[in-house]
Amino acid sequence: MIHYIYSDMISMIKYLPYGMLIGIPVSAILLFAALKLGKRKDKKPAALLPVVVFGFYLALMMVITFLSRESGSRDGMDLKLFATWGINTRNNAYVVENVLLFIPYGFFGSMAFEKLRHFLPSIALGAATSLGIECMQLVTKRGFFQTDDIWTNILGTVIGFCVFRLLSGLVSGMKKAHPGEAEDIT
């Protein structure tokens, strides 16, 4: 299974330039929204970096889930829960890859936006994004609509959120123990 995951991840590297190119306008839109709607107006430019990183990751995720597949190449729905896991090693790798895809999404989203530093909003955004991807894949026939994908993407978001909270707590604890020495990751 590790071989499949590694092979699939390596094959996605060729889409990195497209993700970067699409990431520019996506990040610009997110920055505009963060500055207009958020509390980042008076922040240093470095505080805006997580928004840019999240925008680029969002763009890369969209490229991977859409442009890496030919239109009309996949069609159908599978609403049965846990239908993907256990069929074979290849499908198990797909399940793990879906989780891995959303770990950075949960992490960078929490880092970029204060509202996503709370469990429910972060998970709701991950679920909405996953559902949106699945619906768009169904319409464009660039992927199967699978409830397993939604649940595994949500799991990835939860893991990313938890890693962010853990690291944020560690940095906060270091700042209290040694004021002025630790940088805040937020």
C-alpha atoms as a PDB file:
ATOM      1  CA  MET A   1       0.000   0.000   0.000  1.00  0.00           C
ATOM      2  CA  ILE A   2       2.866   2.393   0.805  1.00  0.00           C
ATOM      3  CA  HIS A   3       4.184   1.827  -2.720  1.00  0.00           C
ATOM      4  CA  TYR A   4       0.857   2.981  -4.222  1.00  0.00           C
ATOM      5  CA  ILE A   5       0.704   6.060  -1.992  1.00  0.00           C
ATOM      6  CA  TYR A   6       4.297   7.026  -2.796  1.00  0.00           C
ATOM      7  CA  SER A   7       3.776   6.435  -6.525  1.00  0.00           C
ATOM      8  CA  ASP A   8       0.568   8.495  -6.574  1.00  0.00           C
ATOM      9  CA  MET A   9       2.199  11.362  -4.670  1.00  0.00           C
ATOM     10  CA  ILE A  10       5.181  11.415  -7.042  1.00  0.00           C
ATOM     11  CA  SER A  11       2.855  11.405 -10.067  1.00  0.00           C
ATOM     12  CA  MET A  12       1.136  14.556  -8.742  1.00  0.00           C
ATOM     13  CA  ILE A  13       4.373  16.581  -8.773  1.00  0.00           C
ATOM     14  CA  LYS A  14       3.849  17.377 -12.455  1.00  0.00           C
ATOM     15  CA  TYR A  15       0.709  19.342 -11.471  1.00  0.00           C
ATOM     16  CA  LEU A  16       2.603  21.546  -9.017  1.00  0.00           C
ATOM     17  CA  PRO A  17       3.251  24.363 -11.543  1.00  0.00           C
ATOM     18  CA  TYR A  18      -0.468  24.509 -12.377  1.00  0.00           C
ATOM     19  CA  GLY A  19      -1.322  24.624  -8.690  1.00  0.00           C
ATOM     20  CA  MET A  20       1.140  27.471  -8.176  1.00  0.00           C
ATOM     21  CA  LEU A  21      -0.267  29.367 -11.151  1.00  0.00           C
ATOM     22  CA  ILE A  22      -3.866  28.954  -9.992  1.00  0.00           C
ATOM     23  CA  GLY A  23      -2.735  29.662  -6.414  1.00  0.00           C
ATOM     24  CA  ILE A  24      -1.872  33.261  -7.282  1.00  0.00           C
ATOM     25  CA  PRO A  25      -5.453  34.437  -7.914  1.00  0.00           C
ATOM     26  CA  VAL A  26      -6.872  32.138  -5.209  1.00  0.00           C
ATOM     27  CA  SER A  27      -4.449  33.589  -2.650  1.00  0.00           C
ATOM     28  CA  ALA A  28      -5.201  37.112  -3.836  1.00  0.00           C
ATOM     29  CA  ILE A  29      -8.933  36.543  -3.328  1.00  0.00           C
ATOM     30  CA  LEU A  30      -8.364  35.066   0.138  1.00  0.00           C
ATOM     31  CA  LEU A  31      -6.037  37.941   1.078  1.00  0.00           C
ATOM     32  CA  PHE A  32      -8.604  40.469  -0.089  1.00  0.00           C
ATOM     33  CA  ALA A  33     -11.300  38.714   1.968  1.00  0.00           C
ATOM     34  CA  ALA A  34      -9.025  38.458   5.005  1.00  0.00           C
ATOM     35  CA  LEU A  35      -8.176  42.148   4.836  1.00  0.00           C
ATOM     36  CA  LYS A  36     -11.735  43.327   4.175  1.00  0.00           C
ATOM     37  CA  LEU A  37     -13.634  40.985   6.468  1.00  0.00           C
ATOM     38  CA  GLY A  38     -11.067  39.958   9.031  1.00  0.00           C
ATOM     39  CA  LYS A  39      -8.996  41.459  11.768  1.00  0.00           C
ATOM     40  CA  ARG A  40      -5.803  41.464   9.725  1.00  0.00           C
ATOM     41  CA  LYS A  41      -5.894  45.110   8.593  1.00  0.00           C
ATOM     42  CA  ASP A  42      -3.297  46.248  11.077  1.00  0.00           C
ATOM     43  CA  LYS A  43      -1.197  43.064  11.082  1.00  0.00           C
ATOM     44  CA  LYS A  44       2.355  42.767   9.819  1.00  0.00           C
ATOM     45  CA  PRO A  45       2.817  41.222   6.354  1.00  0.00           C
ATOM     46  CA  ALA A  46       4.129  38.014   7.970  1.00  0.00           C
ATOM     47  CA  ALA A  47       0.703  37.512   9.589  1.00  0.00           C
ATOM     48  CA  LEU A  48      -0.791  37.319   6.101  1.00  0.00           C
ATOM     49  CA  LEU A  49       1.563  34.532   5.005  1.00  0.00           C
ATOM     50  CA  PRO A  50      -0.665  31.713   6.360  1.00  0.00           C
ATOM     51  CA  VAL A  51      -3.547  33.061   4.226  1.00  0.00           C
ATOM     52  CA  VAL A  52      -1.340  32.916   1.133  1.00  0.00           C
ATOM     53  CA  VAL A  53      -0.126  29.405   1.976  1.00  0.00           C
ATOM     54  CA  PHE A  54      -3.718  28.242   2.516  1.00  0.00           C
ATOM     55  CA  GLY A  55      -4.718  29.769  -0.839  1.00  0.00           C
ATOM     56  CA  PHE A  56      -1.911  27.995  -2.650  1.00  0.00           C
ATOM     57  CA  TYR A  57      -2.743  24.687  -0.956  1.00  0.00           C
ATOM     58  CA  LEU A  58      -6.433  25.080  -1.840  1.00  0.00           C
ATOM     59  CA  ALA A  59      -5.485  25.690  -5.479  1.00  0.00           C
ATOM     60  CA  LEU A  60      -3.142  22.697  -5.505  1.00  0.00           C
ATOM     61  CA  MET A  61      -5.857  20.518  -3.991  1.00  0.00           C
ATOM     62  CA  MET A  62      -8.297  21.579  -6.738  1.00  0.00           C
ATOM     63  CA  VAL A  63      -5.722  20.859  -9.444  1.00  0.00           C
ATOM     64  CA  ILE A  64      -5.068  17.405  -7.993  1.00  0.00           C
ATOM     65  CA  THR A  65      -8.758  16.532  -7.686  1.00  0.00           C
ATOM     66  CA  PHE A  66      -9.791  17.865 -11.112  1.00  0.00           C
ATOM     67  CA  LEU A  67      -7.019  18.545 -13.602  1.00  0.00           C
ATOM     68  CA  SER A  68      -5.209  15.280 -12.945  1.00  0.00           C
ATOM     69  CA  ARG A  69      -8.154  13.435 -14.445  1.00  0.00           C
ATOM     70  CA  GLU A  70      -9.683  13.554 -17.891  1.00  0.00           C
ATOM     71  CA  SER A  71     -13.212  14.944 -18.169  1.00  0.00           C
ATOM     72  CA  GLY A  72     -15.714  12.118 -18.544  1.00  0.00           C
ATOM     73  CA  SER A  73     -13.212   9.500 -17.367  1.00  0.00           C
ATOM     74  CA  ARG A  74     -15.152   8.608 -14.223  1.00  0.00           C
ATOM     75  CA  ASP A  75     -18.850   8.527 -13.559  1.00  0.00           C
ATOM     76  CA  GLY A  76     -21.075   7.315 -10.781  1.00  0.00           C
ATOM     77  CA  MET A  77     -22.003   7.479  -7.135  1.00  0.00           C
ATOM     78  CA  ASP A  78     -21.271   5.225  -4.205  1.00  0.00           C
ATOM     79  CA  LEU A  79     -23.245   6.181  -1.119  1.00  0.00           C
ATOM     80  CA  LYS A  80     -22.365   3.062   0.860  1.00  0.00           C
ATOM     81  CA  LEU A  81     -20.212   3.872   3.879  1.00  0.00           C
ATOM     82  CA  PHE A  82     -16.842   2.046   4.057  1.00  0.00           C
ATOM     83  CA  ALA A  83     -17.349   0.615   0.584  1.00  0.00           C
ATOM     84  CA  THR A  84     -13.807   1.524  -0.492  1.00  0.00           C
ATOM     85  CA  TRP A  85     -11.769   0.100   2.383  1.00  0.00           C
ATOM     86  CA  GLY A  86     -10.771  -3.558   2.334  1.00  0.00           C
ATOM     87  CA  ILE A  87     -11.477  -4.320  -1.325  1.00  0.00           C
ATOM     88  CA  ASN A  88      -7.811  -4.407  -2.248  1.00  0.00           C
ATOM     89  CA  THR A  89      -4.508  -2.699  -1.481  1.00  0.00           C
ATOM     90  CA  ARG A  90      -5.005  -0.134  -4.272  1.00  0.00           C
ATOM     91  CA  ASN A  91      -8.346   1.053  -2.838  1.00  0.00           C
ATOM     92  CA  ASN A  92      -6.913   1.136   0.680  1.00  0.00           C
ATOM     93  CA  ALA A  93      -4.191   3.446  -0.652  1.00  0.00           C
ATOM     94  CA  TYR A  94      -6.884   5.755  -2.105  1.00  0.00           C
ATOM     95  CA  VAL A  95      -8.539   5.934   1.323  1.00  0.00           C
ATOM     96  CA  VAL A  96      -5.262   6.885   3.019  1.00  0.00           C
ATOM     97  CA  GLU A  97      -4.504   9.422   0.250  1.00  0.00           C
ATOM     98  CA  ASN A  98      -7.881  11.122   0.842  1.00  0.00           C
ATOM     99  CA  VAL A  99      -7.005  11.526   4.516  1.00  0.00           C
ATOM    100  CA  LEU A 100      -3.512  12.806   3.675  1.00  0.00           C
ATOM    101  CA  LEU A 101      -4.890  15.321   1.159  1.00  0.00           C
ATOM    102  CA  PHE A 102      -6.929  17.123   3.809  1.00  0.00           C
ATOM    103  CA  ILE A 103      -4.423  17.140   6.693  1.00  0.00           C
ATOM    104  CA  PRO A 104      -2.665  20.264   5.343  1.00  0.00           C
ATOM    105  CA  TYR A 105      -6.076  21.771   4.609  1.00  0.00           C
ATOM    106  CA  GLY A 106      -7.105  21.485   8.281  1.00  0.00           C
ATOM    107  CA  PHE A 107      -3.697  22.697   9.451  1.00  0.00           C
ATOM    108  CA  PHE A 108      -3.252  25.674   7.105  1.00  0.00           C
ATOM    109  CA  GLY A 109      -6.912  26.692   7.387  1.00  0.00           C
ATOM    110  CA  SER A 110      -6.598  26.886  11.171  1.00  0.00           C
ATOM    111  CA  MET A 111      -3.355  28.784  10.842  1.00  0.00           C
ATOM    112  CA  ALA A 112      -4.771  31.268   8.312  1.00  0.00           C
ATOM    113  CA  PHE A 113      -8.150  32.123   9.834  1.00  0.00           C
ATOM    114  CA  GLU A 114      -8.964  32.682  13.503  1.00  0.00           C
ATOM    115  CA  LYS A 115     -12.514  31.352  13.129  1.00  0.00           C
ATOM    116  CA  LEU A 116     -11.093  28.030  11.943  1.00  0.00           C
ATOM    117  CA  ARG A 117      -9.158  27.637  15.192  1.00  0.00           C
ATOM    118  CA  HIS A 118     -12.353  26.250  16.680  1.00  0.00           C
ATOM    119  CA  PHE A 119     -13.279  22.634  16.042  1.00  0.00           C
ATOM    120  CA  LEU A 120     -16.745  22.933  14.519  1.00  0.00           C
ATOM    121  CA  PRO A 121     -16.052  25.738  12.000  1.00  0.00           C
ATOM    122  CA  SER A 122     -12.851  24.011  10.870  1.00  0.00           C
ATOM    123  CA  ILE A 123     -14.546  20.656  10.398  1.00  0.00           C
ATOM    124  CA  ALA A 124     -17.585  22.255   8.764  1.00  0.00           C
ATOM    125  CA  LEU A 125     -15.345  23.964   6.193  1.00  0.00           C
ATOM    126  CA  GLY A 126     -13.503  20.695   5.523  1.00  0.00           C
ATOM    127  CA  ALA A 127     -16.819  18.873   5.086  1.00  0.00           C
ATOM    128  CA  ALA A 128     -18.241  21.596   2.820  1.00  0.00           C
ATOM    129  CA  THR A 129     -15.080  21.639   0.711  1.00  0.00           C
ATOM    130  CA  SER A 130     -15.096  17.869   0.407  1.00  0.00           C
ATOM    131  CA  LEU A 131     -18.788  17.795  -0.512  1.00  0.00           C
ATOM    132  CA  GLY A 132     -18.168  20.531  -3.088  1.00  0.00           C
ATOM    133  CA  ILE A 133     -15.307  18.562  -4.623  1.00  0.00           C
ATOM    134  CA  GLU A 134     -17.390  15.390  -4.773  1.00  0.00           C
ATOM    135  CA  CYS A 135     -20.330  17.208  -6.401  1.00  0.00           C
ATOM    136  CA  MET A 136     -18.080  18.905  -8.951  1.00  0.00           C
ATOM    137  CA  GLN A 137     -16.382  15.595  -9.732  1.00  0.00           C
ATOM    138  CA  LEU A 138     -19.797  14.025 -10.285  1.00  0.00           C
ATOM    139  CA  VAL A 139     -20.937  16.818 -12.614  1.00  0.00           C
ATOM    140  CA  THR A 140     -17.674  16.983 -14.584  1.00  0.00           C
ATOM    141  CA  LYS A 141     -17.228  13.196 -14.493  1.00  0.00           C
ATOM    142  CA  ARG A 142     -13.687  13.639 -13.223  1.00  0.00           C
ATOM    143  CA  GLY A 143     -14.292  11.444 -10.200  1.00  0.00           C
ATOM    144  CA  PHE A 144     -16.779   9.217  -8.482  1.00  0.00           C
ATOM    145  CA  PHE A 145     -19.031  10.725  -5.827  1.00  0.00           C
ATOM    146  CA  GLN A 146     -18.246   8.613  -2.775  1.00  0.00           C
ATOM    147  CA  THR A 147     -19.364   9.124   0.796  1.00  0.00           C
ATOM    148  CA  ASP A 148     -16.123   7.404   1.850  1.00  0.00           C
ATOM    149  CA  ASP A 149     -14.181  10.273   0.268  1.00  0.00           C
ATOM    150  CA  ILE A 150     -16.158  12.836   2.244  1.00  0.00           C
ATOM    151  CA  TRP A 151     -15.608  11.035   5.553  1.00  0.00           C
ATOM    152  CA  THR A 152     -11.914  10.445   4.923  1.00  0.00           C
ATOM    153  CA  ASN A 153     -11.443  14.079   3.911  1.00  0.00           C
ATOM    154  CA  ILE A 154     -13.175  15.161   7.118  1.00  0.00           C
ATOM    155  CA  LEU A 155     -10.860  12.849   9.065  1.00  0.00           C
ATOM    156  CA  GLY A 156      -7.878  14.516   7.375  1.00  0.00           C
ATOM    157  CA  THR A 157      -9.241  17.939   8.328  1.00  0.00           C
ATOM    158  CA  VAL A 158      -9.658  16.793  11.943  1.00  0.00           C
ATOM    159  CA  ILE A 159      -6.077  15.504  12.049  1.00  0.00           C
ATOM    160  CA  GLY A 160      -4.744  18.747  10.532  1.00  0.00           C
ATOM    161  CA  PHE A 161      -6.770  20.809  12.996  1.00  0.00           C
ATOM    162  CA  CYS A 162      -5.517  18.716  15.945  1.00  0.00           C
ATOM    163  CA  VAL A 163      -1.890  19.009  14.804  1.00  0.00           C
ATOM    164  CA  PHE A 164      -2.314  22.788  14.551  1.00  0.00           C
ATOM    165  CA  ARG A 165      -3.846  22.982  18.034  1.00  0.00           C
ATOM    166  CA  LEU A 166      -1.111  20.774  19.480  1.00  0.00           C
ATOM    167  CA  LEU A 167       1.700  22.826  17.929  1.00  0.00           C
ATOM    168  CA  SER A 168      -0.036  26.080  18.832  1.00  0.00           C
ATOM    169  CA  GLY A 169      -0.347  24.906  22.442  1.00  0.00           C
ATOM    170  CA  LEU A 170       3.305  23.902  22.542  1.00  0.00           C
ATOM    171  CA  VAL A 171       4.420  27.287  21.181  1.00  0.00           C
ATOM    172  CA  SER A 172       2.135  29.076  23.623  1.00  0.00           C
ATOM    173  CA  GLY A 173       3.578  27.038  26.497  1.00  0.00           C
ATOM    174  CA  MET A 174       7.113  27.844  25.360  1.00  0.00           C
ATOM    175  CA  LYS A 175       6.275  31.553  25.220  1.00  0.00           C
ATOM    176  CA  LYS A 176       5.012  31.454  28.788  1.00  0.00           C
ATOM    177  CA  ALA A 177       8.075  29.551  29.988  1.00  0.00           C
ATOM    178  CA  HIS A 178      10.561  31.675  28.027  1.00  0.00           C
ATOM    179  CA  PRO A 179       9.036  35.061  27.094  1.00  0.00           C
ATOM    180  CA  GLY A 180      10.533  36.615  23.978  1.00  0.00           C
ATOM    181  CA  GLU A 181      12.234  33.437  22.727  1.00  0.00           C
ATOM    182  CA  ALA A 182       9.429  31.516  20.998  1.00  0.00           C
ATOM    183  CA  GLU A 183       7.733  32.657  17.798  1.00  0.00           C
ATOM    184  CA  ASP A 184       3.969  32.245  17.472  1.00  0.00           C
ATOM    185  CA  ILE A 185       2.971  29.925  14.583  1.00  0.00           C
ATOM    186  CA  THR A 186      -0.325  31.724  14.163  1.00  0.00           C
END
